[in-house]
Amino acid sequence: MDRGAAGEPTAKRAKKDKEDPLVRRREELALGFANARAKGKELGERMVREAKLKRKRLRRKAKKKGKRMVREAKERAILESDRTLSEARLSFGQELRSVCAELEAKNEDRLSHFRRLPSELWKKIVDEHLHHNDLFALTMTCRFFREKQKDLGWKVETNWNEYRLIDLLESGRMVSHSLGWFQ
């Protein structure tokens, strides 16, 4: 036995040597298959990572493009709105001015006798027939009186203090802005 162990070929060893290239080839193929599978898995993972990065990049680009498109659409809408508004202002403004001028001329013709009141009559109306708060209400509502005030140079001031309403109620006179005054 010592001899067989020393390295001389025996029948078992010859059989092992005969099978050995096939076994080695099988092991090489199994190892190659495992390596190919690992490389394929690594390649697949790398491709998935690259695809995810590309998807993110495309999403960012699409998001930026979408935001840009929305911003441009808003800007176009604002410009169009401003243009339409300015055109409307020009056309309606001119028409409104002409209509107002015609109405004012018509009113002036129809109500011209109010303009011809002499200043003495206005003075009498103001001094004798109007209470101070009534004068304020008249100046706020009567366009002709306001214009006459400007012509005559009178300055209308309201005498107002916090106890004025209480004093008027106690004196029996109603405040000009009460329900009785409107009725």
N, C-alpha and C. Protein backbone atom coordinates (compact mmCIF):
# COMPACT_ATOMS: atom_id res chain seq x y z
N MET A 1 0.81 -1.18 0.00
CA MET A 1 0.00 0.00 0.00
C MET A 1 0.85 1.24 0.00
N ASP A 2 1.92 1.02 0.55
CA ASP A 2 2.82 2.13 0.59
C ASP A 2 3.19 2.55 -0.81
N ARG A 3 3.25 1.62 -1.62
CA ARG A 3 3.61 1.87 -2.98
C ARG A 3 2.55 2.63 -3.73
N GLY A 4 1.31 2.25 -3.53
CA GLY A 4 0.22 2.93 -4.22
C GLY A 4 0.04 4.34 -3.73
N ALA A 5 0.35 4.53 -2.50
CA ALA A 5 0.19 5.85 -1.94
C ALA A 5 1.33 6.74 -2.37
N ALA A 6 2.40 6.17 -2.80
CA ALA A 6 3.55 6.95 -3.17
C ALA A 6 3.36 7.65 -4.48
N GLY A 7 2.37 7.30 -5.22
CA GLY A 7 2.10 8.05 -6.41
C GLY A 7 2.09 7.23 -7.66
N GLU A 8 2.19 5.95 -7.54
CA GLU A 8 2.12 5.15 -8.75
C GLU A 8 0.67 4.97 -9.12
N PRO A 9 0.40 4.98 -10.40
CA PRO A 9 -0.99 4.86 -10.81
C PRO A 9 -1.55 3.47 -10.53
N THR A 10 -2.72 3.52 -10.01
CA THR A 10 -3.45 2.30 -9.77
C THR A 10 -4.70 2.36 -10.60
N ALA A 11 -5.53 1.36 -10.54
CA ALA A 11 -6.76 1.31 -11.35
C ALA A 11 -7.75 2.35 -10.87
N LYS A 12 -7.80 2.53 -9.56
CA LYS A 12 -8.73 3.54 -9.03
C LYS A 12 -8.28 4.93 -9.44
N ARG A 13 -7.01 5.12 -9.37
CA ARG A 13 -6.47 6.43 -9.71
C ARG A 13 -6.67 6.69 -11.19
N ALA A 14 -6.53 5.68 -12.01
CA ALA A 14 -6.72 5.83 -13.44
C ALA A 14 -8.17 6.18 -13.73
N LYS A 15 -9.07 5.53 -13.01
CA LYS A 15 -10.49 5.84 -13.19
C LYS A 15 -10.77 7.27 -12.75
N LYS A 16 -10.15 7.67 -11.64
CA LYS A 16 -10.34 9.03 -11.14
C LYS A 16 -9.78 10.04 -12.13
N ASP A 17 -8.63 9.70 -12.68
CA ASP A 17 -8.03 10.60 -13.66
C ASP A 17 -8.89 10.67 -14.92
N LYS A 18 -9.53 9.55 -15.26
CA LYS A 18 -10.39 9.53 -16.43
C LYS A 18 -11.64 10.37 -16.19
N GLU A 19 -12.22 10.29 -15.02
CA GLU A 19 -13.42 11.06 -14.69
C GLU A 19 -13.07 12.50 -14.37
N ASP A 20 -11.89 12.68 -13.95
CA ASP A 20 -11.48 14.00 -13.49
C ASP A 20 -11.67 15.09 -14.55
N PRO A 21 -11.30 14.90 -15.81
CA PRO A 21 -11.54 15.98 -16.77
C PRO A 21 -13.03 16.27 -16.95
N LEU A 22 -13.86 15.30 -16.88
CA LEU A 22 -15.31 15.54 -17.01
C LEU A 22 -15.85 16.26 -15.78
N VAL A 23 -15.37 15.85 -14.62
CA VAL A 23 -15.80 16.49 -13.39
C VAL A 23 -15.30 17.93 -13.37
N ARG A 24 -14.03 18.06 -13.75
CA ARG A 24 -13.49 19.41 -13.80
C ARG A 24 -14.27 20.28 -14.78
N ARG A 25 -14.61 19.70 -15.91
CA ARG A 25 -15.38 20.47 -16.90
C ARG A 25 -16.75 20.84 -16.35
N ARG A 26 -17.38 19.88 -15.66
CA ARG A 26 -18.69 20.15 -15.05
C ARG A 26 -18.57 21.25 -14.01
N GLU A 27 -17.55 21.17 -13.19
CA GLU A 27 -17.35 22.20 -12.17
C GLU A 27 -17.03 23.55 -12.80
N GLU A 28 -16.25 23.52 -13.87
CA GLU A 28 -15.96 24.77 -14.59
C GLU A 28 -17.24 25.38 -15.16
N LEU A 29 -18.05 24.50 -15.74
CA LEU A 29 -19.32 24.98 -16.31
C LEU A 29 -20.24 25.51 -15.22
N ALA A 30 -20.30 24.80 -14.09
CA ALA A 30 -21.14 25.26 -12.97
C ALA A 30 -20.63 26.59 -12.44
N LEU A 31 -19.30 26.69 -12.33
CA LEU A 31 -18.71 27.95 -11.87
C LEU A 31 -18.95 29.07 -12.89
N GLY A 32 -18.79 28.73 -14.17
CA GLY A 32 -19.07 29.71 -15.23
C GLY A 32 -20.53 30.14 -15.22
N PHE A 33 -21.42 29.15 -15.00
CA PHE A 33 -22.84 29.47 -14.93
C PHE A 33 -23.13 30.38 -13.74
N ALA A 34 -22.51 30.09 -12.59
CA ALA A 34 -22.71 30.91 -11.39
C ALA A 34 -22.16 32.32 -11.62
N ASN A 35 -20.97 32.38 -12.26
CA ASN A 35 -20.41 33.70 -12.58
C ASN A 35 -21.30 34.46 -13.56
N ALA A 36 -21.80 33.75 -14.56
CA ALA A 36 -22.68 34.40 -15.54
C ALA A 36 -23.96 34.89 -14.86
N ARG A 37 -24.49 34.05 -13.96
CA ARG A 37 -25.69 34.46 -13.24
C ARG A 37 -25.40 35.69 -12.38
N ALA A 38 -24.27 35.71 -11.68
CA ALA A 38 -23.90 36.85 -10.84
C ALA A 38 -23.71 38.10 -11.70
N LYS A 39 -23.00 37.92 -12.85
CA LYS A 39 -22.81 39.06 -13.75
C LYS A 39 -24.15 39.55 -14.31
N GLY A 40 -25.01 38.59 -14.66
CA GLY A 40 -26.33 38.95 -15.18
C GLY A 40 -27.15 39.69 -14.13
N LYS A 41 -27.08 39.18 -12.90
CA LYS A 41 -27.81 39.84 -11.81
C LYS A 41 -27.26 41.24 -11.58
N GLU A 42 -25.92 41.34 -11.56
CA GLU A 42 -25.29 42.65 -11.38
C GLU A 42 -25.65 43.58 -12.54
N LEU A 43 -25.60 43.05 -13.75
CA LEU A 43 -25.97 43.86 -14.92
C LEU A 43 -27.44 44.28 -14.85
N GLY A 44 -28.29 43.34 -14.45
CA GLY A 44 -29.71 43.67 -14.31
C GLY A 44 -29.95 44.74 -13.27
N GLU A 45 -29.27 44.62 -12.11
CA GLU A 45 -29.41 45.63 -11.06
C GLU A 45 -28.90 46.98 -11.54
N ARG A 46 -27.73 46.96 -12.26
CA ARG A 46 -27.20 48.21 -12.78
C ARG A 46 -28.16 48.84 -13.79
N MET A 47 -28.75 48.00 -14.64
CA MET A 47 -29.71 48.52 -15.63
C MET A 47 -30.95 49.07 -14.94
N VAL A 48 -31.40 48.41 -13.87
CA VAL A 48 -32.56 48.91 -13.12
C VAL A 48 -32.22 50.25 -12.48
N ARG A 49 -31.01 50.36 -11.87
CA ARG A 49 -30.58 51.64 -11.28
C ARG A 49 -30.53 52.74 -12.33
N GLU A 50 -29.92 52.40 -13.47
CA GLU A 50 -29.83 53.40 -14.54
C GLU A 50 -31.21 53.80 -15.04
N ALA A 51 -32.10 52.82 -15.15
CA ALA A 51 -33.46 53.12 -15.59
C ALA A 51 -34.18 54.02 -14.58
N LYS A 52 -33.97 53.74 -13.29
CA LYS A 52 -34.59 54.58 -12.26
C LYS A 52 -34.03 56.00 -12.31
N LEU A 53 -32.70 56.10 -12.46
CA LEU A 53 -32.09 57.43 -12.58
C LEU A 53 -32.61 58.16 -13.82
N LYS A 54 -32.70 57.42 -14.92
CA LYS A 54 -33.22 58.03 -16.15
C LYS A 54 -34.67 58.45 -15.96
N ARG A 55 -35.46 57.60 -15.28
CA ARG A 55 -36.86 57.95 -15.01
C ARG A 55 -36.94 59.22 -14.16
N LYS A 56 -36.10 59.29 -13.11
CA LYS A 56 -36.09 60.50 -12.26
C LYS A 56 -35.70 61.72 -13.07
N ARG A 57 -34.65 61.56 -13.89
CA ARG A 57 -34.20 62.67 -14.71
C ARG A 57 -35.29 63.11 -15.68
N LEU A 58 -35.95 62.13 -16.30
CA LEU A 58 -37.04 62.46 -17.23
C LEU A 58 -38.21 63.10 -16.50
N ARG A 59 -38.51 62.59 -15.30
CA ARG A 59 -39.60 63.19 -14.52
C ARG A 59 -39.26 64.63 -14.16
N ARG A 60 -37.99 64.86 -13.73
CA ARG A 60 -37.58 66.23 -13.42
C ARG A 60 -37.71 67.12 -14.64
N LYS A 61 -37.23 66.61 -15.77
CA LYS A 61 -37.34 67.39 -17.01
C LYS A 61 -38.79 67.65 -17.36
N ALA A 62 -39.62 66.59 -17.24
CA ALA A 62 -41.04 66.75 -17.55
C ALA A 62 -41.70 67.72 -16.57
N LYS A 63 -41.31 67.62 -15.31
CA LYS A 63 -41.88 68.52 -14.30
C LYS A 63 -41.46 69.95 -14.59
N LYS A 64 -40.17 70.14 -14.90
CA LYS A 64 -39.70 71.48 -15.25
C LYS A 64 -40.40 71.98 -16.50
N LYS A 65 -40.53 71.09 -17.48
CA LYS A 65 -41.20 71.48 -18.72
C LYS A 65 -42.66 71.80 -18.45
N GLY A 66 -43.30 70.99 -17.61
CA GLY A 66 -44.70 71.25 -17.26
C GLY A 66 -44.85 72.58 -16.53
N LYS A 67 -43.95 72.84 -15.58
CA LYS A 67 -44.00 74.11 -14.85
C LYS A 67 -43.75 75.27 -15.79
N ARG A 68 -42.79 75.09 -16.69
CA ARG A 68 -42.48 76.15 -17.66
C ARG A 68 -43.69 76.40 -18.56
N MET A 69 -44.34 75.32 -19.00
CA MET A 69 -45.51 75.47 -19.87
C MET A 69 -46.64 76.17 -19.12
N VAL A 70 -46.85 75.81 -17.86
CA VAL A 70 -47.89 76.47 -17.06
C VAL A 70 -47.57 77.94 -16.87
N ARG A 71 -46.29 78.24 -16.55
CA ARG A 71 -45.88 79.63 -16.36
C ARG A 71 -46.07 80.43 -17.65
N GLU A 72 -45.66 79.84 -18.78
CA GLU A 72 -45.83 80.54 -20.06
C GLU A 72 -47.30 80.74 -20.39
N ALA A 73 -48.13 79.74 -20.08
CA ALA A 73 -49.56 79.87 -20.34
C ALA A 73 -50.16 80.98 -19.47
N LYS A 74 -49.73 81.05 -18.20
CA LYS A 74 -50.22 82.12 -17.33
C LYS A 74 -49.78 83.48 -17.86
N GLU A 75 -48.52 83.57 -18.27
CA GLU A 75 -48.03 84.85 -18.81
C GLU A 75 -48.80 85.25 -20.06
N ARG A 76 -49.05 84.27 -20.95
CA ARG A 76 -49.83 84.58 -22.16
C ARG A 76 -51.24 85.00 -21.80
N ALA A 77 -51.84 84.32 -20.81
CA ALA A 77 -53.20 84.67 -20.39
C ALA A 77 -53.24 86.08 -19.81
N ILE A 78 -52.23 86.42 -19.01
CA ILE A 78 -52.18 87.77 -18.41
C ILE A 78 -52.02 88.81 -19.50
N LEU A 79 -51.11 88.55 -20.44
CA LEU A 79 -50.90 89.50 -21.54
C LEU A 79 -52.17 89.67 -22.37
N GLU A 80 -52.83 88.55 -22.67
CA GLU A 80 -54.06 88.62 -23.46
C GLU A 80 -55.15 89.35 -22.69
N SER A 81 -55.24 89.07 -21.39
CA SER A 81 -56.23 89.75 -20.55
C SER A 81 -55.96 91.25 -20.51
N ASP A 82 -54.69 91.61 -20.31
CA ASP A 82 -54.35 93.04 -20.28
C ASP A 82 -54.65 93.71 -21.61
N ARG A 83 -54.32 93.03 -22.70
CA ARG A 83 -54.59 93.60 -24.02
C ARG A 83 -56.09 93.78 -24.23
N THR A 84 -56.87 92.77 -23.89
CA THR A 84 -58.32 92.85 -24.05
C THR A 84 -58.89 93.95 -23.16
N LEU A 85 -58.39 94.03 -21.93
CA LEU A 85 -58.87 95.05 -21.00
C LEU A 85 -58.54 96.45 -21.51
N SER A 86 -57.33 96.63 -22.02
CA SER A 86 -56.97 97.96 -22.52
C SER A 86 -57.79 98.32 -23.75
N GLU A 87 -58.05 97.34 -24.62
CA GLU A 87 -58.91 97.62 -25.78
C GLU A 87 -60.32 97.98 -25.33
N ALA A 88 -60.82 97.23 -24.34
CA ALA A 88 -62.17 97.52 -23.84
C ALA A 88 -62.21 98.89 -23.19
N ARG A 89 -61.18 99.23 -22.43
CA ARG A 89 -61.14 100.54 -21.79
C ARG A 89 -61.14 101.65 -22.83
N LEU A 90 -60.35 101.44 -23.88
CA LEU A 90 -60.30 102.47 -24.92
C LEU A 90 -61.65 102.63 -25.60
N SER A 91 -62.21 101.50 -26.04
CA SER A 91 -63.47 101.60 -26.79
C SER A 91 -64.63 102.04 -25.88
N PHE A 92 -64.75 101.37 -24.71
CA PHE A 92 -65.85 101.73 -23.82
C PHE A 92 -65.62 103.09 -23.17
N GLY A 93 -64.37 103.42 -22.91
CA GLY A 93 -64.07 104.72 -22.30
C GLY A 93 -64.48 105.86 -23.21
N GLN A 94 -64.14 105.74 -24.49
CA GLN A 94 -64.53 106.79 -25.44
C GLN A 94 -66.05 106.86 -25.56
N GLU A 95 -66.67 105.70 -25.66
CA GLU A 95 -68.13 105.68 -25.78
C GLU A 95 -68.78 106.23 -24.51
N LEU A 96 -68.25 105.87 -23.35
CA LEU A 96 -68.79 106.35 -22.08
C LEU A 96 -68.65 107.86 -21.97
N ARG A 97 -67.49 108.39 -22.38
CA ARG A 97 -67.31 109.84 -22.34
C ARG A 97 -68.32 110.55 -23.23
N SER A 98 -68.53 110.02 -24.43
CA SER A 98 -69.48 110.68 -25.33
C SER A 98 -70.91 110.58 -24.80
N VAL A 99 -71.28 109.42 -24.25
CA VAL A 99 -72.63 109.26 -23.69
C VAL A 99 -72.81 110.18 -22.49
N CYS A 100 -71.80 110.25 -21.62
CA CYS A 100 -71.89 111.14 -20.45
C CYS A 100 -72.00 112.60 -20.88
N ALA A 101 -71.24 112.97 -21.90
CA ALA A 101 -71.32 114.35 -22.38
C ALA A 101 -72.71 114.66 -22.93
N GLU A 102 -73.27 113.71 -23.68
CA GLU A 102 -74.63 113.91 -24.21
C GLU A 102 -75.65 114.01 -23.08
N LEU A 103 -75.55 113.12 -22.08
CA LEU A 103 -76.49 113.16 -20.95
C LEU A 103 -76.35 114.46 -20.17
N GLU A 104 -75.13 114.90 -19.97
CA GLU A 104 -74.92 116.14 -19.24
C GLU A 104 -75.50 117.32 -20.00
N ALA A 105 -75.32 117.33 -21.32
CA ALA A 105 -75.89 118.42 -22.12
C ALA A 105 -77.42 118.37 -22.07
N LYS A 106 -77.97 117.17 -22.14
CA LYS A 106 -79.42 117.02 -22.08
C LYS A 106 -79.95 117.48 -20.72
N ASN A 107 -79.28 117.07 -19.63
CA ASN A 107 -79.70 117.49 -18.29
C ASN A 107 -79.56 118.99 -18.12
N GLU A 108 -78.51 119.54 -18.67
CA GLU A 108 -78.30 120.97 -18.53
C GLU A 108 -79.39 121.75 -19.26
N ASP A 109 -79.78 121.25 -20.43
CA ASP A 109 -80.88 121.90 -21.14
C ASP A 109 -82.19 121.77 -20.37
N ARG A 110 -82.44 120.58 -19.85
CA ARG A 110 -83.69 120.33 -19.16
C ARG A 110 -83.75 121.05 -17.81
N LEU A 111 -82.62 121.12 -17.11
CA LEU A 111 -82.61 121.69 -15.76
C LEU A 111 -81.88 123.03 -15.69
N SER A 112 -81.83 123.72 -16.79
CA SER A 112 -81.05 124.95 -16.82
C SER A 112 -81.65 126.05 -15.94
N HIS A 113 -82.95 126.00 -15.66
CA HIS A 113 -83.55 127.05 -14.83
C HIS A 113 -83.03 126.98 -13.38
N PHE A 114 -82.52 125.79 -12.93
CA PHE A 114 -81.93 125.72 -11.59
C PHE A 114 -80.60 126.44 -11.54
N ARG A 115 -79.90 126.48 -12.61
CA ARG A 115 -78.61 127.14 -12.66
C ARG A 115 -78.77 128.66 -12.61
N ARG A 116 -79.90 129.14 -13.00
CA ARG A 116 -80.07 130.59 -13.12
C ARG A 116 -80.55 131.24 -11.83
N LEU A 117 -80.55 130.50 -10.74
CA LEU A 117 -80.95 131.13 -9.48
C LEU A 117 -79.91 132.17 -9.10
N PRO A 118 -80.35 133.34 -8.72
CA PRO A 118 -79.38 134.36 -8.31
C PRO A 118 -78.73 133.99 -6.98
N SER A 119 -77.57 134.54 -6.76
CA SER A 119 -76.82 134.21 -5.56
C SER A 119 -77.55 134.66 -4.30
N GLU A 120 -78.37 135.73 -4.38
CA GLU A 120 -79.13 136.18 -3.21
C GLU A 120 -80.14 135.12 -2.79
N LEU A 121 -80.76 134.49 -3.79
CA LEU A 121 -81.74 133.44 -3.48
C LEU A 121 -81.05 132.24 -2.83
N TRP A 122 -79.90 131.88 -3.32
CA TRP A 122 -79.15 130.80 -2.70
C TRP A 122 -78.79 131.15 -1.27
N LYS A 123 -78.41 132.38 -1.06
CA LYS A 123 -78.04 132.83 0.29
C LYS A 123 -79.24 132.76 1.22
N LYS A 124 -80.42 133.17 0.72
CA LYS A 124 -81.64 133.12 1.52
C LYS A 124 -82.00 131.67 1.86
N ILE A 125 -81.88 130.77 0.87
CA ILE A 125 -82.18 129.35 1.11
C ILE A 125 -81.25 128.79 2.19
N VAL A 126 -79.99 129.10 2.07
CA VAL A 126 -79.01 128.56 3.01
C VAL A 126 -79.19 129.16 4.40
N ASP A 127 -79.35 130.47 4.49
CA ASP A 127 -79.38 131.13 5.79
C ASP A 127 -80.69 130.91 6.54
N GLU A 128 -81.81 130.98 5.86
CA GLU A 128 -83.10 130.99 6.55
C GLU A 128 -83.79 129.64 6.63
N HIS A 129 -83.59 128.79 5.66
CA HIS A 129 -84.42 127.58 5.58
C HIS A 129 -83.68 126.28 5.86
N LEU A 130 -82.40 126.35 6.07
CA LEU A 130 -81.65 125.10 6.29
C LEU A 130 -80.97 125.12 7.65
N HIS A 131 -81.10 124.01 8.34
CA HIS A 131 -80.34 123.79 9.56
C HIS A 131 -78.92 123.41 9.14
N HIS A 132 -77.95 123.54 10.04
CA HIS A 132 -76.56 123.30 9.68
C HIS A 132 -76.35 121.87 9.15
N ASN A 133 -76.94 120.86 9.80
CA ASN A 133 -76.81 119.48 9.33
C ASN A 133 -77.56 119.28 8.03
N ASP A 134 -78.65 120.00 7.82
CA ASP A 134 -79.36 119.92 6.55
C ASP A 134 -78.50 120.49 5.43
N LEU A 135 -77.75 121.52 5.73
CA LEU A 135 -76.85 122.11 4.74
C LEU A 135 -75.82 121.07 4.29
N PHE A 136 -75.30 120.33 5.24
CA PHE A 136 -74.33 119.29 4.89
C PHE A 136 -74.97 118.23 4.01
N ALA A 137 -76.19 117.80 4.35
CA ALA A 137 -76.89 116.80 3.54
C ALA A 137 -77.18 117.34 2.15
N LEU A 138 -77.57 118.60 2.07
CA LEU A 138 -77.86 119.21 0.77
C LEU A 138 -76.60 119.27 -0.09
N THR A 139 -75.50 119.63 0.51
CA THR A 139 -74.26 119.69 -0.27
C THR A 139 -73.82 118.32 -0.74
N MET A 140 -74.16 117.29 0.02
CA MET A 140 -73.76 115.95 -0.38
C MET A 140 -74.66 115.39 -1.48
N THR A 141 -75.90 115.86 -1.57
CA THR A 141 -76.84 115.28 -2.53
C THR A 141 -77.12 116.16 -3.72
N CYS A 142 -76.97 117.44 -3.60
CA CYS A 142 -77.38 118.36 -4.65
C CYS A 142 -76.15 118.82 -5.45
N ARG A 143 -76.04 118.34 -6.67
CA ARG A 143 -74.90 118.69 -7.50
C ARG A 143 -74.87 120.18 -7.81
N PHE A 144 -76.02 120.73 -8.10
CA PHE A 144 -76.08 122.15 -8.46
C PHE A 144 -75.65 123.02 -7.28
N PHE A 145 -76.07 122.61 -6.06
CA PHE A 145 -75.68 123.38 -4.88
C PHE A 145 -74.17 123.29 -4.66
N ARG A 146 -73.60 122.10 -4.86
CA ARG A 146 -72.14 121.95 -4.71
C ARG A 146 -71.42 122.83 -5.71
N GLU A 147 -71.90 122.83 -6.94
CA GLU A 147 -71.26 123.67 -7.95
C GLU A 147 -71.41 125.14 -7.59
N LYS A 148 -72.58 125.52 -7.09
CA LYS A 148 -72.80 126.91 -6.71
C LYS A 148 -71.90 127.27 -5.54
N GLN A 149 -71.71 126.34 -4.60
CA GLN A 149 -70.81 126.59 -3.48
C GLN A 149 -69.40 126.88 -4.00
N LYS A 150 -68.97 126.12 -5.00
CA LYS A 150 -67.65 126.35 -5.56
C LYS A 150 -67.59 127.73 -6.22
N ASP A 151 -68.67 128.07 -6.94
CA ASP A 151 -68.71 129.37 -7.64
C ASP A 151 -68.66 130.52 -6.64
N LEU A 152 -69.45 130.40 -5.57
CA LEU A 152 -69.52 131.50 -4.61
C LEU A 152 -68.34 131.51 -3.64
N GLY A 153 -67.66 130.40 -3.52
CA GLY A 153 -66.50 130.35 -2.65
C GLY A 153 -66.83 130.11 -1.20
N TRP A 154 -68.05 129.68 -0.88
CA TRP A 154 -68.38 129.38 0.51
C TRP A 154 -67.78 128.03 0.88
N LYS A 155 -67.31 127.97 2.08
CA LYS A 155 -66.78 126.70 2.56
C LYS A 155 -67.79 126.10 3.52
N VAL A 156 -68.23 124.89 3.23
CA VAL A 156 -69.21 124.23 4.08
C VAL A 156 -68.47 123.38 5.10
N GLU A 157 -68.72 123.66 6.36
CA GLU A 157 -68.10 122.88 7.43
C GLU A 157 -69.19 122.29 8.30
N THR A 158 -68.93 121.12 8.81
CA THR A 158 -69.88 120.47 9.70
C THR A 158 -69.43 120.70 11.13
N ASN A 159 -70.36 121.23 11.93
CA ASN A 159 -70.08 121.44 13.35
C ASN A 159 -70.41 120.12 14.05
N TRP A 160 -69.42 119.33 14.30
CA TRP A 160 -69.69 117.99 14.82
C TRP A 160 -68.89 117.77 16.10
N ASN A 161 -69.61 117.41 17.14
CA ASN A 161 -68.95 116.94 18.34
C ASN A 161 -69.72 115.72 18.84
N GLU A 162 -69.17 115.05 19.81
CA GLU A 162 -69.75 113.77 20.21
C GLU A 162 -71.09 113.91 20.93
N TYR A 163 -71.38 115.09 21.47
CA TYR A 163 -72.65 115.27 22.18
C TYR A 163 -73.70 115.96 21.31
N ARG A 164 -73.40 116.23 20.06
CA ARG A 164 -74.31 116.96 19.18
C ARG A 164 -75.64 116.21 19.02
N LEU A 165 -75.58 114.90 18.80
CA LEU A 165 -76.81 114.13 18.62
C LEU A 165 -77.66 114.15 19.89
N ILE A 166 -77.02 114.03 21.04
CA ILE A 166 -77.76 114.05 22.31
C ILE A 166 -78.42 115.41 22.51
N ASP A 167 -77.69 116.50 22.23
CA ASP A 167 -78.24 117.85 22.36
C ASP A 167 -79.44 118.04 21.44
N LEU A 168 -79.35 117.55 20.20
CA LEU A 168 -80.47 117.69 19.26
C LEU A 168 -81.68 116.89 19.73
N LEU A 169 -81.45 115.68 20.22
CA LEU A 169 -82.57 114.88 20.71
C LEU A 169 -83.23 115.52 21.92
N GLU A 170 -82.44 116.08 22.84
CA GLU A 170 -82.99 116.71 24.03
C GLU A 170 -83.73 118.00 23.69
N SER A 171 -83.28 118.70 22.67
CA SER A 171 -83.94 119.96 22.30
C SER A 171 -85.24 119.72 21.54
N GLY A 172 -85.48 118.47 21.10
CA GLY A 172 -86.72 118.18 20.39
C GLY A 172 -86.56 118.22 18.88
N ARG A 173 -85.48 118.75 18.40
CA ARG A 173 -85.24 118.75 16.96
C ARG A 173 -84.60 117.42 16.58
N MET A 174 -84.99 116.90 15.44
CA MET A 174 -84.46 115.61 15.01
C MET A 174 -83.16 115.82 14.24
N VAL A 175 -82.31 114.87 14.31
CA VAL A 175 -81.07 114.90 13.55
C VAL A 175 -81.42 114.70 12.08
N SER A 176 -80.69 115.37 11.20
CA SER A 176 -81.04 115.31 9.78
C SER A 176 -80.91 113.92 9.19
N HIS A 177 -80.17 113.04 9.83
CA HIS A 177 -79.98 111.71 9.28
C HIS A 177 -80.87 110.69 9.98
N SER A 178 -81.93 111.13 10.60
CA SER A 178 -82.84 110.22 11.29
C SER A 178 -83.90 109.74 10.31
N LEU A 179 -84.72 108.79 10.76
CA LEU A 179 -85.79 108.26 9.93
C LEU A 179 -86.80 109.36 9.62
N GLY A 180 -87.08 110.24 10.59
CA GLY A 180 -88.02 111.34 10.35
C GLY A 180 -87.52 112.28 9.27
N TRP A 181 -86.25 112.52 9.23
CA TRP A 181 -85.68 113.40 8.20
C TRP A 181 -85.85 112.79 6.82
N PHE A 182 -85.65 111.44 6.71
CA PHE A 182 -85.80 110.79 5.42
C PHE A 182 -87.25 110.72 4.99
N GLN A 183 -88.19 110.63 5.95
CA GLN A 183 -89.60 110.54 5.60
C GLN A 183 -90.11 111.91 5.20
